Amino acid sequence: MPFKSQAQRRKFAELLVKGEISKETYEEWNRDTGSKKLPERVKPKGGRAAKSKRRTKPKGKPAKKPTSRTKGKIRKR
């Protein structure tokens, strides 16, 4: 299976150094990737990124402003 990003490649190299994956596994992934130009990171499809978006209030009709005709008048009950 090929790497999807440079960040993933670095992570696998770190795991190799720690001894958590074998050299054969790393080499297999590296071989499958070849010399492709990989993005730095792959954007996640959901999860944290979807939750971290800033929510805005729905835009509705703005409140009516008093006009010059109604400013000075006193309401009768």
PDB file of N, CA and C in Angstrom:
ATOM      1  N   MET A   1       0.848  -1.171   0.000  1.00  0.00           N
ATOM      2  CA  MET A   1       0.000   0.000   0.000  1.00  0.00           C
ATOM      3  C   MET A   1       0.898   1.240   0.000  1.00  0.00           C
ATOM      4  N   PRO A   2       0.656   2.183  -0.885  1.00  0.00           N
ATOM      5  CA  PRO A   2       1.522   3.368  -0.960  1.00  0.00           C
ATOM      6  C   PRO A   2       1.197   4.409   0.116  1.00  0.00           C
ATOM      7  N   PHE A   3       2.196   5.242   0.406  1.00  0.00           N
ATOM      8  CA  PHE A   3       1.988   6.354   1.335  1.00  0.00           C
ATOM      9  C   PHE A   3       1.041   7.365   0.698  1.00  0.00           C
ATOM     10  N   LYS A   4       0.259   8.046   1.521  1.00  0.00           N
ATOM     11  CA  LYS A   4      -0.662   9.059   1.018  1.00  0.00           C
ATOM     12  C   LYS A   4      -0.116  10.471   1.185  1.00  0.00           C
ATOM     13  N   SER A   5       0.848  10.647   2.097  1.00  0.00           N
ATOM     14  CA  SER A   5       1.376  11.991   2.337  1.00  0.00           C
ATOM     15  C   SER A   5       2.798  11.906   2.892  1.00  0.00           C
ATOM     16  N   GLN A   6       3.472  13.044   2.862  1.00  0.00           N
ATOM     17  CA  GLN A   6       4.822  13.123   3.429  1.00  0.00           C
ATOM     18  C   GLN A   6       4.775  12.902   4.936  1.00  0.00           C
ATOM     19  N   ALA A   7       3.723  13.383   5.576  1.00  0.00           N
ATOM     20  CA  ALA A   7       3.590  13.229   7.024  1.00  0.00           C
ATOM     21  C   ALA A   7       3.481  11.742   7.384  1.00  0.00           C
ATOM     22  N   GLN A   8       2.750  10.984   6.574  1.00  0.00           N
ATOM     23  CA  GLN A   8       2.612   9.549   6.826  1.00  0.00           C
ATOM     24  C   GLN A   8       3.963   8.849   6.632  1.00  0.00           C
ATOM     25  N   ARG A   9       4.696   9.263   5.631  1.00  0.00           N
ATOM     26  CA  ARG A   9       6.016   8.667   5.384  1.00  0.00           C
ATOM     27  C   ARG A   9       6.955   8.919   6.568  1.00  0.00           C
ATOM     28  N   ARG A  10       6.919  10.162   7.093  1.00  0.00           N
ATOM     29  CA  ARG A  10       7.744  10.487   8.269  1.00  0.00           C
ATOM     30  C   ARG A  10       7.339   9.659   9.480  1.00  0.00           C
ATOM     31  N   LYS A  11       6.040   9.478   9.665  1.00  0.00           N
ATOM     32  CA  LYS A  11       5.546   8.707  10.809  1.00  0.00           C
ATOM     33  C   LYS A  11       6.029   7.263  10.722  1.00  0.00           C
ATOM     34  N   PHE A  12       5.976   6.671   9.536  1.00  0.00           N
ATOM     35  CA  PHE A  12       6.446   5.309   9.371  1.00  0.00           C
ATOM     36  C   PHE A  12       7.952   5.211   9.609  1.00  0.00           C
ATOM     37  N   ALA A  13       8.693   6.220   9.178  1.00  0.00           N
ATOM     38  CA  ALA A  13      10.134   6.225   9.416  1.00  0.00           C
ATOM     39  C   ALA A  13      10.418   6.301  10.919  1.00  0.00           C
ATOM     40  N   GLU A  14       9.621   7.077  11.642  1.00  0.00           N
ATOM     41  CA  GLU A  14       9.762   7.178  13.089  1.00  0.00           C
ATOM     42  C   GLU A  14       9.459   5.827  13.754  1.00  0.00           C
ATOM     43  N   LEU A  15       8.398   5.148  13.291  1.00  0.00           N
ATOM     44  CA  LEU A  15       8.048   3.835  13.837  1.00  0.00           C
ATOM     45  C   LEU A  15       9.140   2.808  13.541  1.00  0.00           C
ATOM     46  N   LEU A  16       9.776   2.927  12.388  1.00  0.00           N
ATOM     47  CA  LEU A  16      10.877   2.035  12.017  1.00  0.00           C
ATOM     48  C   LEU A  16      12.050   2.220  12.970  1.00  0.00           C
ATOM     49  N   VAL A  17      12.383   3.465  13.263  1.00  0.00           N
ATOM     50  CA  VAL A  17      13.496   3.763  14.166  1.00  0.00           C
ATOM     51  C   VAL A  17      13.198   3.241  15.577  1.00  0.00           C
ATOM     52  N   LYS A  18      11.931   3.376  16.007  1.00  0.00           N
ATOM     53  CA  LYS A  18      11.540   2.892  17.331  1.00  0.00           C
ATOM     54  C   LYS A  18      11.468   1.364  17.385  1.00  0.00           C
ATOM     55  N   GLY A  19      11.416   0.730  16.230  1.00  0.00           N
ATOM     56  CA  GLY A  19      11.330  -0.725  16.184  1.00  0.00           C
ATOM     57  C   GLY A  19       9.910  -1.260  16.241  1.00  0.00           C
ATOM     58  N   GLU A  20       8.925  -0.401  16.023  1.00  0.00           N
ATOM     59  CA  GLU A  20       7.531  -0.828  16.085  1.00  0.00           C
ATOM     60  C   GLU A  20       7.050  -1.472  14.793  1.00  0.00           C
ATOM     61  N   ILE A  21       7.723  -1.203  13.666  1.00  0.00           N
ATOM     62  CA  ILE A  21       7.426  -1.887  12.411  1.00  0.00           C
ATOM     63  C   ILE A  21       8.726  -2.433  11.852  1.00  0.00           C
ATOM     64  N   SER A  22       8.609  -3.416  10.975  1.00  0.00           N
ATOM     65  CA  SER A  22       9.820  -4.024  10.412  1.00  0.00           C
ATOM     66  C   SER A  22      10.322  -3.204   9.221  1.00  0.00           C
ATOM     67  N   LYS A  23      11.577  -3.394   8.900  1.00  0.00           N
ATOM     68  CA  LYS A  23      12.174  -2.701   7.762  1.00  0.00           C
ATOM     69  C   LYS A  23      11.508  -3.136   6.467  1.00  0.00           C
ATOM     70  N   GLU A  24      11.113  -4.414   6.414  1.00  0.00           N
ATOM     71  CA  GLU A  24      10.454  -4.934   5.205  1.00  0.00           C
ATOM     72  C   GLU A  24       9.126  -4.215   4.948  1.00  0.00           C
ATOM     73  N   THR A  25       8.377  -3.959   6.020  1.00  0.00           N
ATOM     74  CA  THR A  25       7.094  -3.258   5.879  1.00  0.00           C
ATOM     75  C   THR A  25       7.321  -1.850   5.343  1.00  0.00           C
ATOM     76  N   TYR A  26       8.285  -1.147   5.925  1.00  0.00           N
ATOM     77  CA  TYR A  26       8.577   0.213   5.475  1.00  0.00           C
ATOM     78  C   TYR A  26       9.023   0.217   4.015  1.00  0.00           C
ATOM     79  N   GLU A  27       9.899  -0.698   3.668  1.00  0.00           N
ATOM     80  CA  GLU A  27      10.405  -0.760   2.291  1.00  0.00           C
ATOM     81  C   GLU A  27       9.291  -1.099   1.303  1.00  0.00           C
ATOM     82  N   GLU A  28       8.363  -1.963   1.702  1.00  0.00           N
ATOM     83  CA  GLU A  28       7.245  -2.325   0.822  1.00  0.00           C
ATOM     84  C   GLU A  28       6.389  -1.088   0.522  1.00  0.00           C
ATOM     85  N   TRP A  29       6.052  -0.338   1.560  1.00  0.00           N
ATOM     86  CA  TRP A  29       5.253   0.874   1.376  1.00  0.00           C
ATOM     87  C   TRP A  29       6.012   1.894   0.533  1.00  0.00           C
ATOM     88  N   ASN A  30       7.288   2.030   0.794  1.00  0.00           N
ATOM     89  CA  ASN A  30       8.115   2.987   0.062  1.00  0.00           C
ATOM     90  C   ASN A  30       8.214   2.596  -1.412  1.00  0.00           C
ATOM     91  N   ARG A  31       8.365   1.321  -1.671  1.00  0.00           N
ATOM     92  CA  ARG A  31       8.470   0.806  -3.041  1.00  0.00           C
ATOM     93  C   ARG A  31       7.152   1.038  -3.782  1.00  0.00           C
ATOM     94  N   ASP A  32       6.025   0.776  -3.130  1.00  0.00           N
ATOM     95  CA  ASP A  32       4.725   0.984  -3.766  1.00  0.00           C
ATOM     96  C   ASP A  32       4.467   2.451  -4.088  1.00  0.00           C
ATOM     97  N   THR A  33       4.984   3.339  -3.259  1.00  0.00           N
ATOM     98  CA  THR A  33       4.787   4.770  -3.483  1.00  0.00           C
ATOM     99  C   THR A  33       5.610   5.253  -4.664  1.00  0.00           C
ATOM    100  N   GLY A  34       6.815   4.751  -4.774  1.00  0.00           N
ATOM    101  CA  GLY A  34       7.687   5.182  -5.858  1.00  0.00           C
ATOM    102  C   GLY A  34       8.177   6.598  -5.648  1.00  0.00           C
ATOM    103  N   SER A  35       8.358   7.337  -6.720  1.00  0.00           N
ATOM    104  CA  SER A  35       8.877   8.704  -6.607  1.00  0.00           C
ATOM    105  C   SER A  35       7.767   9.730  -6.815  1.00  0.00           C
ATOM    106  N   LYS A  36       6.551   9.380  -6.405  1.00  0.00           N
ATOM    107  CA  LYS A  36       5.424  10.298  -6.543  1.00  0.00           C
ATOM    108  C   LYS A  36       5.636  11.561  -5.722  1.00  0.00           C
ATOM    109  N   LYS A  37       5.100  12.649  -6.217  1.00  0.00           N
ATOM    110  CA  LYS A  37       5.091  13.904  -5.473  1.00  0.00           C
ATOM    111  C   LYS A  37       3.901  13.837  -4.521  1.00  0.00           C
ATOM    112  N   LEU A  38       4.183  13.704  -3.223  1.00  0.00           N
ATOM    113  CA  LEU A  38       3.132  13.555  -2.222  1.00  0.00           C
ATOM    114  C   LEU A  38       2.813  14.889  -1.562  1.00  0.00           C
ATOM    115  N   PRO A  39       1.541  15.091  -1.194  1.00  0.00           N
ATOM    116  CA  PRO A  39       1.205  16.314  -0.445  1.00  0.00           C
ATOM    117  C   PRO A  39       1.756  16.223   0.968  1.00  0.00           C
ATOM    118  N   GLU A  40       1.916  17.363   1.613  1.00  0.00           N
ATOM    119  CA  GLU A  40       2.414  17.375   2.987  1.00  0.00           C
ATOM    120  C   GLU A  40       1.446  16.640   3.909  1.00  0.00           C
ATOM    121  N   ARG A  41       0.161  16.931   3.772  1.00  0.00           N
ATOM    122  CA  ARG A  41      -0.866  16.262   4.578  1.00  0.00           C
ATOM    123  C   ARG A  41      -2.093  16.000   3.717  1.00  0.00           C
ATOM    124  N   VAL A  42      -2.827  14.960   4.074  1.00  0.00           N
ATOM    125  CA  VAL A  42      -4.093  14.666   3.421  1.00  0.00           C
ATOM    126  C   VAL A  42      -5.186  15.171   4.339  1.00  0.00           C
ATOM    127  N   LYS A  43      -6.103  15.932   3.797  1.00  0.00           N
ATOM    128  CA  LYS A  43      -7.173  16.486   4.616  1.00  0.00           C
ATOM    129  C   LYS A  43      -8.098  15.363   5.072  1.00  0.00           C
ATOM    130  N   PRO A  44      -8.456  15.351   6.345  1.00  0.00           N
ATOM    131  CA  PRO A  44      -9.366  14.313   6.829  1.00  0.00           C
ATOM    132  C   PRO A  44     -10.768  14.484   6.247  1.00  0.00           C
ATOM    133  N   LYS A  45     -11.477  13.373   6.067  1.00  0.00           N
ATOM    134  CA  LYS A  45     -12.817  13.408   5.495  1.00  0.00           C
ATOM    135  C   LYS A  45     -13.857  13.856   6.498  1.00  0.00           C
ATOM    136  N   GLY A  46     -13.601  13.693   7.770  1.00  0.00           N
ATOM    137  CA  GLY A  46     -14.572  14.066   8.790  1.00  0.00           C
ATOM    138  C   GLY A  46     -13.870  14.134  10.124  1.00  0.00           C
ATOM    139  N   GLY A  47     -14.597  13.892  11.173  1.00  0.00           N
ATOM    140  CA  GLY A  47     -13.978  13.850  12.495  1.00  0.00           C
ATOM    141  C   GLY A  47     -13.659  15.218  13.034  1.00  0.00           C
ATOM    142  N   ARG A  48     -12.426  15.400  13.488  1.00  0.00           N
ATOM    143  CA  ARG A  48     -12.035  16.645  14.145  1.00  0.00           C
ATOM    144  C   ARG A  48     -12.200  17.853  13.236  1.00  0.00           C
ATOM    145  N   ALA A  49     -11.823  17.730  11.989  1.00  0.00           N
ATOM    146  CA  ALA A  49     -11.879  18.888  11.099  1.00  0.00           C
ATOM    147  C   ALA A  49     -13.306  19.394  10.941  1.00  0.00           C
ATOM    148  N   ALA A  50     -14.258  18.483  10.873  1.00  0.00           N
ATOM    149  CA  ALA A  50     -15.650  18.894  10.731  1.00  0.00           C
ATOM    150  C   ALA A  50     -16.140  19.572  12.004  1.00  0.00           C
ATOM    151  N   LYS A  51     -15.692  19.124  13.158  1.00  0.00           N
ATOM    152  CA  LYS A  51     -16.146  19.697  14.419  1.00  0.00           C
ATOM    153  C   LYS A  51     -15.479  21.027  14.707  1.00  0.00           C
ATOM    154  N   SER A  52     -14.285  21.249  14.194  1.00  0.00           N
ATOM    155  CA  SER A  52     -13.554  22.452  14.533  1.00  0.00           C
ATOM    156  C   SER A  52     -13.980  23.661  13.702  1.00  0.00           C
ATOM    157  N   LYS A  53     -14.841  23.439  12.712  1.00  0.00           N
ATOM    158  CA  LYS A  53     -15.302  24.572  11.920  1.00  0.00           C
ATOM    159  C   LYS A  53     -16.097  25.522  12.805  1.00  0.00           C
ATOM    160  N   ARG A  54     -15.956  26.775  12.542  1.00  0.00           N
ATOM    161  CA  ARG A  54     -16.645  27.780  13.327  1.00  0.00           C
ATOM    162  C   ARG A  54     -18.085  27.895  12.843  1.00  0.00           C
ATOM    163  N   ARG A  55     -18.986  27.829  13.763  1.00  0.00           N
ATOM    164  CA  ARG A  55     -20.393  27.933  13.400  1.00  0.00           C
ATOM    165  C   ARG A  55     -20.812  29.388  13.389  1.00  0.00           C
ATOM    166  N   THR A  56     -21.624  29.742  12.416  1.00  0.00           N
ATOM    167  CA  THR A  56     -22.141  31.096  12.346  1.00  0.00           C
ATOM    168  C   THR A  56     -23.648  31.043  12.502  1.00  0.00           C
ATOM    169  N   LYS A  57     -24.197  32.141  12.934  1.00  0.00           N
ATOM    170  CA  LYS A  57     -25.642  32.206  13.088  1.00  0.00           C
ATOM    171  C   LYS A  57     -26.277  32.254  11.704  1.00  0.00           C
ATOM    172  N   PRO A  58     -27.427  31.615  11.538  1.00  0.00           N
ATOM    173  CA  PRO A  58     -28.093  31.677  10.240  1.00  0.00           C
ATOM    174  C   PRO A  58     -28.530  33.109   9.947  1.00  0.00           C
ATOM    175  N   LYS A  59     -28.363  33.477   8.708  1.00  0.00           N
ATOM    176  CA  LYS A  59     -28.726  34.832   8.324  1.00  0.00           C
ATOM    177  C   LYS A  59     -30.215  34.871   7.990  1.00  0.00           C
ATOM    178  N   GLY A  60     -30.926  35.737   8.662  1.00  0.00           N
ATOM    179  CA  GLY A  60     -32.350  35.899   8.427  1.00  0.00           C
ATOM    180  C   GLY A  60     -32.629  37.338   8.046  1.00  0.00           C
ATOM    181  N   LYS A  61     -33.863  37.715   8.182  1.00  0.00           N
ATOM    182  CA  LYS A  61     -34.217  39.090   7.887  1.00  0.00           C
ATOM    183  C   LYS A  61     -33.680  39.987   8.998  1.00  0.00           C
ATOM    184  N   PRO A  62     -33.100  41.123   8.650  1.00  0.00           N
ATOM    185  CA  PRO A  62     -32.620  42.028   9.697  1.00  0.00           C
ATOM    186  C   PRO A  62     -33.814  42.672  10.414  1.00  0.00           C
ATOM    187  N   ALA A  63     -33.607  43.061  11.650  1.00  0.00           N
ATOM    188  CA  ALA A  63     -34.666  43.699  12.430  1.00  0.00           C
ATOM    189  C   ALA A  63     -35.044  45.024  11.784  1.00  0.00           C
ATOM    190  N   LYS A  64     -36.313  45.337  11.854  1.00  0.00           N
ATOM    191  CA  LYS A  64     -36.776  46.586  11.252  1.00  0.00           C
ATOM    192  C   LYS A  64     -36.298  47.766  12.079  1.00  0.00           C
ATOM    193  N   LYS A  65     -35.815  48.776  11.396  1.00  0.00           N
ATOM    194  CA  LYS A  65     -35.373  49.993  12.057  1.00  0.00           C
ATOM    195  C   LYS A  65     -36.526  50.993  12.023  1.00  0.00           C
ATOM    196  N   PRO A  66     -36.657  51.786  13.063  1.00  0.00           N
ATOM    197  CA  PRO A  66     -37.743  52.777  13.044  1.00  0.00           C
ATOM    198  C   PRO A  66     -37.499  53.802  11.944  1.00  0.00           C
ATOM    199  N   THR A  67     -38.566  54.172  11.282  1.00  0.00           N
ATOM    200  CA  THR A  67     -38.449  55.177  10.223  1.00  0.00           C
ATOM    201  C   THR A  67     -38.664  56.560  10.816  1.00  0.00           C
ATOM    202  N   SER A  68     -38.439  57.562  10.039  1.00  0.00           N
ATOM    203  CA  SER A  68     -38.578  58.928  10.534  1.00  0.00           C
ATOM    204  C   SER A  68     -40.034  59.229  10.891  1.00  0.00           C
ATOM    205  N   ARG A  69     -40.997  58.548  10.312  1.00  0.00           N
ATOM    206  CA  ARG A  69     -42.406  58.786  10.589  1.00  0.00           C
ATOM    207  C   ARG A  69     -42.790  58.289  11.989  1.00  0.00           C
ATOM    208  N   THR A  70     -42.140  57.252  12.480  1.00  0.00           N
ATOM    209  CA  THR A  70     -42.550  56.666  13.756  1.00  0.00           C
ATOM    210  C   THR A  70     -41.683  57.110  14.928  1.00  0.00           C
ATOM    211  N   LYS A  71     -40.633  57.845  14.680  1.00  0.00           N
ATOM    212  CA  LYS A  71     -39.716  58.202  15.760  1.00  0.00           C
ATOM    213  C   LYS A  71     -40.351  59.095  16.815  1.00  0.00           C
ATOM    214  N   GLY A  72     -41.060  60.135  16.413  1.00  0.00           N
ATOM    215  CA  GLY A  72     -41.571  61.096  17.375  1.00  0.00           C
ATOM    216  C   GLY A  72     -42.970  60.810  17.884  1.00  0.00           C
ATOM    217  N   LYS A  73     -43.636  59.857  17.324  1.00  0.00           N
ATOM    218  CA  LYS A  73     -45.020  59.606  17.711  1.00  0.00           C
ATOM    219  C   LYS A  73     -45.112  58.848  19.009  1.00  0.00           C
ATOM    220  N   ILE A  74     -46.145  59.133  19.746  1.00  0.00           N
ATOM    221  CA  ILE A  74     -46.423  58.425  20.987  1.00  0.00           C
ATOM    222  C   ILE A  74     -47.547  57.445  20.704  1.00  0.00           C
ATOM    223  N   ARG A  75     -47.386  56.239  21.150  1.00  0.00           N
ATOM    224  CA  ARG A  75     -48.408  55.223  20.904  1.00  0.00           C
ATOM    225  C   ARG A  75     -49.580  55.418  21.839  1.00  0.00           C
ATOM    226  N   LYS A  76     -50.773  55.227  21.308  1.00  0.00           N
ATOM    227  CA  LYS A  76     -51.968  55.257  22.140  1.00  0.00           C
ATOM    228  C   LYS A  76     -52.284  53.848  22.573  1.00  0.00           C
ATOM    229  N   ARG A  77     -52.800  53.732  23.775  1.00  0.00           N
ATOM    230  CA  ARG A  77     -53.132  52.408  24.277  1.00  0.00           C
ATOM    231  C   ARG A  77     -54.543  52.060  23.990  1.00  0.00           C
TER     232      ARG A  77
END
